[in-house]
């Protein structure tokens, strides 16, 4: 059971990867507890299968998690 984590914009450099395949933990919070995500800011936008979620979201085999910086407009 695995899932894919994708990073966007400045998070690619901040976390050091664009795509990472990992074993599927129970929740997004458990995934983000992995030391590879220690530098992820608390205000990061989080999505699972292209839908925004909170950190308590349940993850399933084959899910795609996206980590994106907050968007601001002008």
PDB file of N, CA and C in Angstrom:
ATOM      1  N   UNK A   1       0.840  -1.179   0.000  1.00  0.00           N
ATOM      2  CA  UNK A   1       0.000   0.000   0.000  1.00  0.00           C
ATOM      3  C   UNK A   1       0.881   1.236   0.000  1.00  0.00           C
ATOM      4  N   UNK A   2       0.746   2.035  -1.044  1.00  0.00           N
ATOM      5  CA  UNK A   2       1.567   3.238  -1.161  1.00  0.00           C
ATOM      6  C   UNK A   2       0.709   4.427  -1.586  1.00  0.00           C
ATOM      7  N   UNK A   3       1.288   5.593  -1.414  1.00  0.00           N
ATOM      8  CA  UNK A   3       0.694   6.821  -1.912  1.00  0.00           C
ATOM      9  C   UNK A   3       1.801   7.669  -2.497  1.00  0.00           C
ATOM     10  N   UNK A   4       1.405   8.695  -3.234  1.00  0.00           N
ATOM     11  CA  UNK A   4       2.362   9.599  -3.867  1.00  0.00           C
ATOM     12  C   UNK A   4       2.212  10.980  -3.245  1.00  0.00           C
ATOM     13  N   UNK A   5       3.333  11.585  -2.901  1.00  0.00           N
ATOM     14  CA  UNK A   5       3.347  12.958  -2.387  1.00  0.00           C
ATOM     15  C   UNK A   5       4.001  13.826  -3.457  1.00  0.00           C
ATOM     16  N   UNK A   6       3.331  14.916  -3.817  1.00  0.00           N
ATOM     17  CA  UNK A   6       3.870  15.864  -4.793  1.00  0.00           C
ATOM     18  C   UNK A   6       4.009  17.233  -4.130  1.00  0.00           C
ATOM     19  N   UNK A   7       5.084  17.917  -4.484  1.00  0.00           N
ATOM     20  CA  UNK A   7       5.298  19.268  -3.963  1.00  0.00           C
ATOM     21  C   UNK A   7       5.238  20.256  -5.117  1.00  0.00           C
ATOM     22  N   UNK A   8       4.839  21.485  -4.809  1.00  0.00           N
ATOM     23  CA  UNK A   8       4.686  22.508  -5.827  1.00  0.00           C
ATOM     24  C   UNK A   8       5.385  23.789  -5.402  1.00  0.00           C
ATOM     25  N   UNK A   9       5.767  24.571  -6.419  1.00  0.00           N
ATOM     26  CA  UNK A   9       6.403  25.874  -6.239  1.00  0.00           C
ATOM     27  C   UNK A   9       7.633  25.754  -5.331  1.00  0.00           C
ATOM     28  N   UNK A  10       7.751  26.649  -4.361  1.00  0.00           N
ATOM     29  CA  UNK A  10       8.963  26.688  -3.526  1.00  0.00           C
ATOM     30  C   UNK A  10       9.117  25.463  -2.623  1.00  0.00           C
ATOM     31  N   UNK A  11       8.050  24.688  -2.443  1.00  0.00           N
ATOM     32  CA  UNK A  11       8.152  23.493  -1.586  1.00  0.00           C
ATOM     33  C   UNK A  11       9.015  22.414  -2.221  1.00  0.00           C
ATOM     34  N   UNK A  12       9.180  22.447  -3.544  1.00  0.00           N
ATOM     35  CA  UNK A  12      10.077  21.487  -4.204  1.00  0.00           C
ATOM     36  C   UNK A  12      11.491  21.651  -3.654  1.00  0.00           C
ATOM     37  N   UNK A  13      11.946  22.889  -3.575  1.00  0.00           N
ATOM     38  CA  UNK A  13      13.288  23.173  -3.061  1.00  0.00           C
ATOM     39  C   UNK A  13      13.341  23.012  -1.547  1.00  0.00           C
ATOM     40  N   UNK A  14      12.345  23.502  -0.852  1.00  0.00           N
ATOM     41  CA  UNK A  14      12.311  23.453   0.603  1.00  0.00           C
ATOM     42  C   UNK A  14      12.384  22.017   1.125  1.00  0.00           C
ATOM     43  N   UNK A  15      11.628  21.112   0.506  1.00  0.00           N
ATOM     44  CA  UNK A  15      11.586  19.725   0.981  1.00  0.00           C
ATOM     45  C   UNK A  15      12.550  18.814   0.235  1.00  0.00           C
ATOM     46  N   UNK A  16      13.047  19.263  -0.916  1.00  0.00           N
ATOM     47  CA  UNK A  16      14.065  18.514  -1.632  1.00  0.00           C
ATOM     48  C   UNK A  16      13.546  17.420  -2.551  1.00  0.00           C
ATOM     49  N   UNK A  17      12.277  17.461  -2.896  1.00  0.00           N
ATOM     50  CA  UNK A  17      11.748  16.496  -3.854  1.00  0.00           C
ATOM     51  C   UNK A  17      10.510  17.077  -4.540  1.00  0.00           C
ATOM     52  N   UNK A  18      10.212  16.548  -5.719  1.00  0.00           N
ATOM     53  CA  UNK A  18       8.997  16.929  -6.443  1.00  0.00           C
ATOM     54  C   UNK A  18       7.943  15.841  -6.306  1.00  0.00           C
ATOM     55  N   UNK A  19       8.398  14.601  -6.279  1.00  0.00           N
ATOM     56  CA  UNK A  19       7.494  13.450  -6.151  1.00  0.00           C
ATOM     57  C   UNK A  19       8.162  12.410  -5.267  1.00  0.00           C
ATOM     58  N   UNK A  20       7.371  11.840  -4.376  1.00  0.00           N
ATOM     59  CA  UNK A  20       7.882  10.837  -3.439  1.00  0.00           C
ATOM     60  C   UNK A  20       6.799   9.784  -3.249  1.00  0.00           C
ATOM     61  N   UNK A  21       7.144   8.521  -3.449  1.00  0.00           N
ATOM     62  CA  UNK A  21       6.219   7.418  -3.203  1.00  0.00           C
ATOM     63  C   UNK A  21       6.550   6.812  -1.847  1.00  0.00           C
ATOM     64  N   UNK A  22       5.537   6.723  -0.986  1.00  0.00           N
ATOM     65  CA  UNK A  22       5.736   6.270   0.392  1.00  0.00           C
ATOM     66  C   UNK A  22       4.680   5.249   0.788  1.00  0.00           C
ATOM     67  N   UNK A  23       4.979   4.445   1.817  1.00  0.00           N
ATOM     68  CA  UNK A  23       3.926   3.588   2.379  1.00  0.00           C
ATOM     69  C   UNK A  23       2.787   4.462   2.891  1.00  0.00           C
ATOM     70  N   UNK A  24       1.587   3.970   2.795  1.00  0.00           N
ATOM     71  CA  UNK A  24       0.408   4.743   3.170  1.00  0.00           C
ATOM     72  C   UNK A  24       0.165   4.662   4.680  1.00  0.00           C
ATOM     73  N   UNK A  25       0.300   5.800   5.389  1.00  0.00           N
ATOM     74  CA  UNK A  25      -0.037   5.821   6.812  1.00  0.00           C
ATOM     75  C   UNK A  25      -1.551   5.982   6.968  1.00  0.00           C
ATOM     76  N   UNK A  26      -2.032   6.045   8.168  1.00  0.00           N
ATOM     77  CA  UNK A  26      -3.473   6.160   8.393  1.00  0.00           C
ATOM     78  C   UNK A  26      -4.061   7.521   8.065  1.00  0.00           C
ATOM     79  N   UNK A  27      -3.339   8.594   8.436  1.00  0.00           N
ATOM     80  CA  UNK A  27      -3.879   9.943   8.231  1.00  0.00           C
ATOM     81  C   UNK A  27      -2.798  10.868   7.660  1.00  0.00           C
ATOM     82  N   UNK A  28      -3.240  11.998   7.185  1.00  0.00           N
ATOM     83  CA  UNK A  28      -2.308  12.996   6.677  1.00  0.00           C
ATOM     84  C   UNK A  28      -1.399  13.485   7.797  1.00  0.00           C
ATOM     85  N   UNK A  29      -1.935  13.635   8.998  1.00  0.00           N
ATOM     86  CA  UNK A  29      -1.125  14.045  10.155  1.00  0.00           C
ATOM     87  C   UNK A  29       0.023  13.066  10.387  1.00  0.00           C
ATOM     88  N   UNK A  30      -0.261  11.772  10.289  1.00  0.00           N
ATOM     89  CA  UNK A  30       0.786  10.761  10.472  1.00  0.00           C
ATOM     90  C   UNK A  30       1.835  10.857   9.373  1.00  0.00           C
ATOM     91  N   UNK A  31       1.398  11.107   8.146  1.00  0.00           N
ATOM     92  CA  UNK A  31       2.341  11.288   7.042  1.00  0.00           C
ATOM     93  C   UNK A  31       3.247  12.478   7.314  1.00  0.00           C
ATOM     94  N   UNK A  32       2.657  13.601   7.717  1.00  0.00           N
ATOM     95  CA  UNK A  32       3.426  14.830   7.921  1.00  0.00           C
ATOM     96  C   UNK A  32       4.325  14.782   9.152  1.00  0.00           C
ATOM     97  N   UNK A  33       4.150  13.778  10.011  1.00  0.00           N
ATOM     98  CA  UNK A  33       5.039  13.597  11.162  1.00  0.00           C
ATOM     99  C   UNK A  33       6.392  13.017  10.737  1.00  0.00           C
ATOM    100  N   UNK A  34       6.474  12.515   9.507  1.00  0.00           N
ATOM    101  CA  UNK A  34       7.729  11.977   8.973  1.00  0.00           C
ATOM    102  C   UNK A  34       8.756  13.112   8.939  1.00  0.00           C
ATOM    103  N   UNK A  35       9.993  12.866   9.366  1.00  0.00           N
ATOM    104  CA  UNK A  35      11.020  13.914   9.385  1.00  0.00           C
ATOM    105  C   UNK A  35      11.261  14.590   8.037  1.00  0.00           C
ATOM    106  N   UNK A  36      10.943  13.923   6.934  1.00  0.00           N
ATOM    107  CA  UNK A  36      11.126  14.538   5.611  1.00  0.00           C
ATOM    108  C   UNK A  36      10.236  15.763   5.413  1.00  0.00           C
ATOM    109  N   UNK A  37       9.201  15.898   6.255  1.00  0.00           N
ATOM    110  CA  UNK A  37       8.270  17.021   6.130  1.00  0.00           C
ATOM    111  C   UNK A  37       8.438  18.054   7.243  1.00  0.00           C
ATOM    112  N   UNK A  38       9.511  17.955   8.009  1.00  0.00           N
ATOM    113  CA  UNK A  38       9.729  18.848   9.157  1.00  0.00           C
ATOM    114  C   UNK A  38       9.763  20.327   8.755  1.00  0.00           C
ATOM    115  N   UNK A  39      10.261  20.641   7.576  1.00  0.00           N
ATOM    116  CA  UNK A  39      10.376  22.036   7.137  1.00  0.00           C
ATOM    117  C   UNK A  39       9.080  22.585   6.540  1.00  0.00           C
ATOM    118  N   UNK A  40       8.054  21.757   6.409  1.00  0.00           N
ATOM    119  CA  UNK A  40       6.797  22.203   5.804  1.00  0.00           C
ATOM    120  C   UNK A  40       6.118  23.222   6.722  1.00  0.00           C
ATOM    121  N   UNK A  41       5.845  24.427   6.226  1.00  0.00           N
ATOM    122  CA  UNK A  41       5.181  25.442   7.055  1.00  0.00           C
ATOM    123  C   UNK A  41       3.768  25.013   7.464  1.00  0.00           C
ATOM    124  N   UNK A  42       3.335  25.488   8.601  1.00  0.00           N
ATOM    125  CA  UNK A  42       2.007  25.152   9.131  1.00  0.00           C
ATOM    126  C   UNK A  42       0.885  25.672   8.231  1.00  0.00           C
ATOM    127  N   UNK A  43       1.146  26.715   7.436  1.00  0.00           N
ATOM    128  CA  UNK A  43       0.102  27.278   6.586  1.00  0.00           C
ATOM    129  C   UNK A  43       0.062  26.666   5.181  1.00  0.00           C
ATOM    130  N   UNK A  44       0.757  25.548   4.986  1.00  0.00           N
ATOM    131  CA  UNK A  44       0.764  24.887   3.688  1.00  0.00           C
ATOM    132  C   UNK A  44      -0.654  24.470   3.301  1.00  0.00           C
ATOM    133  N   UNK A  45      -0.948  24.564   2.007  1.00  0.00           N
ATOM    134  CA  UNK A  45      -2.208  24.047   1.492  1.00  0.00           C
ATOM    135  C   UNK A  45      -2.020  22.552   1.248  1.00  0.00           C
ATOM    136  N   UNK A  46      -2.988  21.762   1.691  1.00  0.00           N
ATOM    137  CA  UNK A  46      -2.899  20.305   1.599  1.00  0.00           C
ATOM    138  C   UNK A  46      -4.070  19.783   0.788  1.00  0.00           C
ATOM    139  N   UNK A  47      -3.785  18.885  -0.149  1.00  0.00           N
ATOM    140  CA  UNK A  47      -4.847  18.293  -0.950  1.00  0.00           C
ATOM    141  C   UNK A  47      -4.610  16.792  -1.064  1.00  0.00           C
ATOM    142  N   UNK A  48      -5.705  16.056  -1.124  1.00  0.00           N
ATOM    143  CA  UNK A  48      -5.659  14.621  -1.386  1.00  0.00           C
ATOM    144  C   UNK A  48      -6.558  14.373  -2.587  1.00  0.00           C
ATOM    145  N   UNK A  49      -5.977  13.773  -3.619  1.00  0.00           N
ATOM    146  CA  UNK A  49      -6.706  13.484  -4.853  1.00  0.00           C
ATOM    147  C   UNK A  49      -7.402  14.734  -5.401  1.00  0.00           C
ATOM    148  N   UNK A  50      -6.666  15.842  -5.385  1.00  0.00           N
ATOM    149  CA  UNK A  50      -7.054  17.131  -5.957  1.00  0.00           C
ATOM    150  C   UNK A  50      -8.183  17.839  -5.212  1.00  0.00           C
ATOM    151  N   UNK A  51      -8.432  17.449  -3.963  1.00  0.00           N
ATOM    152  CA  UNK A  51      -9.404  18.139  -3.134  1.00  0.00           C
ATOM    153  C   UNK A  51      -8.745  18.610  -1.852  1.00  0.00           C
ATOM    154  N   UNK A  52      -8.957  19.863  -1.466  1.00  0.00           N
ATOM    155  CA  UNK A  52      -8.334  20.390  -0.253  1.00  0.00           C
ATOM    156  C   UNK A  52      -8.874  19.665   0.979  1.00  0.00           C
ATOM    157  N   UNK A  53      -7.953  19.389   1.922  1.00  0.00           N
ATOM    158  CA  UNK A  53      -8.295  18.653   3.138  1.00  0.00           C
ATOM    159  C   UNK A  53      -7.579  19.276   4.328  1.00  0.00           C
ATOM    160  N   UNK A  54      -7.967  18.850   5.537  1.00  0.00           N
ATOM    161  CA  UNK A  54      -7.224  19.263   6.724  1.00  0.00           C
ATOM    162  C   UNK A  54      -6.263  18.136   7.104  1.00  0.00           C
ATOM    163  N   UNK A  55      -5.455  18.391   8.096  1.00  0.00           N
ATOM    164  CA  UNK A  55      -4.401  17.446   8.477  1.00  0.00           C
ATOM    165  C   UNK A  55      -4.926  16.145   9.065  1.00  0.00           C
ATOM    166  N   UNK A  56      -6.178  16.084   9.426  1.00  0.00           N
ATOM    167  CA  UNK A  56      -6.748  14.857   9.973  1.00  0.00           C
ATOM    168  C   UNK A  56      -7.324  13.927   8.918  1.00  0.00           C
ATOM    169  N   UNK A  57      -7.196  14.277   7.637  1.00  0.00           N
ATOM    170  CA  UNK A  57      -7.779  13.480   6.557  1.00  0.00           C
ATOM    171  C   UNK A  57      -7.233  12.054   6.570  1.00  0.00           C
ATOM    172  N   UNK A  58      -8.120  11.104   6.353  1.00  0.00           N
ATOM    173  CA  UNK A  58      -7.745   9.689   6.274  1.00  0.00           C
ATOM    174  C   UNK A  58      -7.183   9.424   4.880  1.00  0.00           C
ATOM    175  N   UNK A  59      -6.074   8.673   4.822  1.00  0.00           N
ATOM    176  CA  UNK A  59      -5.427   8.341   3.559  1.00  0.00           C
ATOM    177  C   UNK A  59      -5.664   6.882   3.208  1.00  0.00           C
ATOM    178  N   UNK A  60      -5.735   6.624   1.888  1.00  0.00           N
ATOM    179  CA  UNK A  60      -5.938   5.269   1.403  1.00  0.00           C
ATOM    180  C   UNK A  60      -4.862   4.920   0.375  1.00  0.00           C
ATOM    181  N   UNK A  61      -4.686   3.632   0.154  1.00  0.00           N
ATOM    182  CA  UNK A  61      -3.752   3.148  -0.850  1.00  0.00           C
ATOM    183  C   UNK A  61      -4.034   3.817  -2.192  1.00  0.00           C
ATOM    184  N   UNK A  62      -2.983   4.327  -2.832  1.00  0.00           N
ATOM    185  CA  UNK A  62      -3.108   4.949  -4.142  1.00  0.00           C
ATOM    186  C   UNK A  62      -3.418   6.431  -4.128  1.00  0.00           C
ATOM    187  N   UNK A  63      -3.642   7.023  -2.962  1.00  0.00           N
ATOM    188  CA  UNK A  63      -3.931   8.458  -2.885  1.00  0.00           C
ATOM    189  C   UNK A  63      -2.746   9.282  -3.377  1.00  0.00           C
ATOM    190  N   UNK A  64      -3.055  10.476  -3.856  1.00  0.00           N
ATOM    191  CA  UNK A  64      -2.031  11.454  -4.217  1.00  0.00           C
ATOM    192  C   UNK A  64      -2.192  12.651  -3.286  1.00  0.00           C
ATOM    193  N   UNK A  65      -1.134  12.969  -2.555  1.00  0.00           N
ATOM    194  CA  UNK A  65      -1.115  14.095  -1.627  1.00  0.00           C
ATOM    195  C   UNK A  65      -0.334  15.222  -2.286  1.00  0.00           C
ATOM    196  N   UNK A  66      -0.903  16.422  -2.284  1.00  0.00           N
ATOM    197  CA  UNK A  66      -0.232  17.589  -2.846  1.00  0.00           C
ATOM    198  C   UNK A  66       0.049  18.587  -1.730  1.00  0.00           C
ATOM    199  N   UNK A  67       1.254  19.122  -1.715  1.00  0.00           N
ATOM    200  CA  UNK A  67       1.690  20.113  -0.737  1.00  0.00           C
ATOM    201  C   UNK A  67       2.000  21.401  -1.499  1.00  0.00           C
ATOM    202  N   UNK A  68       1.236  22.465  -1.196  1.00  0.00           N
ATOM    203  CA  UNK A  68       1.364  23.708  -1.954  1.00  0.00           C
ATOM    204  C   UNK A  68       1.466  24.903  -1.015  1.00  0.00           C
ATOM    205  N   UNK A  69       2.265  25.902  -1.399  1.00  0.00           N
ATOM    206  CA  UNK A  69       2.319  27.130  -0.602  1.00  0.00           C
ATOM    207  C   UNK A  69       0.990  27.878  -0.711  1.00  0.00           C
ATOM    208  N   UNK A  70       0.670  28.675   0.295  1.00  0.00           N
ATOM    209  CA  UNK A  70      -0.530  29.518   0.224  1.00  0.00           C
ATOM    210  C   UNK A  70      -0.443  30.440  -0.989  1.00  0.00           C
ATOM    211  N   UNK A  71      -1.586  30.752  -1.545  1.00  0.00           N
ATOM    212  CA  UNK A  71      -1.649  31.611  -2.742  1.00  0.00           C
ATOM    213  C   UNK A  71      -2.153  32.985  -2.307  1.00  0.00           C
ATOM    214  N   UNK A  72      -1.495  34.009  -2.832  1.00  0.00           N
ATOM    215  CA  UNK A  72      -1.984  35.367  -2.569  1.00  0.00           C
ATOM    216  C   UNK A  72      -2.120  36.083  -3.913  1.00  0.00           C
ATOM    217  N   UNK A  73      -3.016  36.990  -3.945  1.00  0.00           N
ATOM    218  CA  UNK A  73      -3.255  37.715  -5.202  1.00  0.00           C
ATOM    219  C   UNK A  73      -3.043  39.204  -5.001  1.00  0.00           C
ATOM    220  N   UNK A  74      -3.108  39.902  -6.068  1.00  0.00           N
ATOM    221  CA  UNK A  74      -2.904  41.331  -5.953  1.00  0.00           C
ATOM    222  C   UNK A  74      -3.744  42.113  -6.907  1.00  0.00           C
TER     223      UNK A  74
END
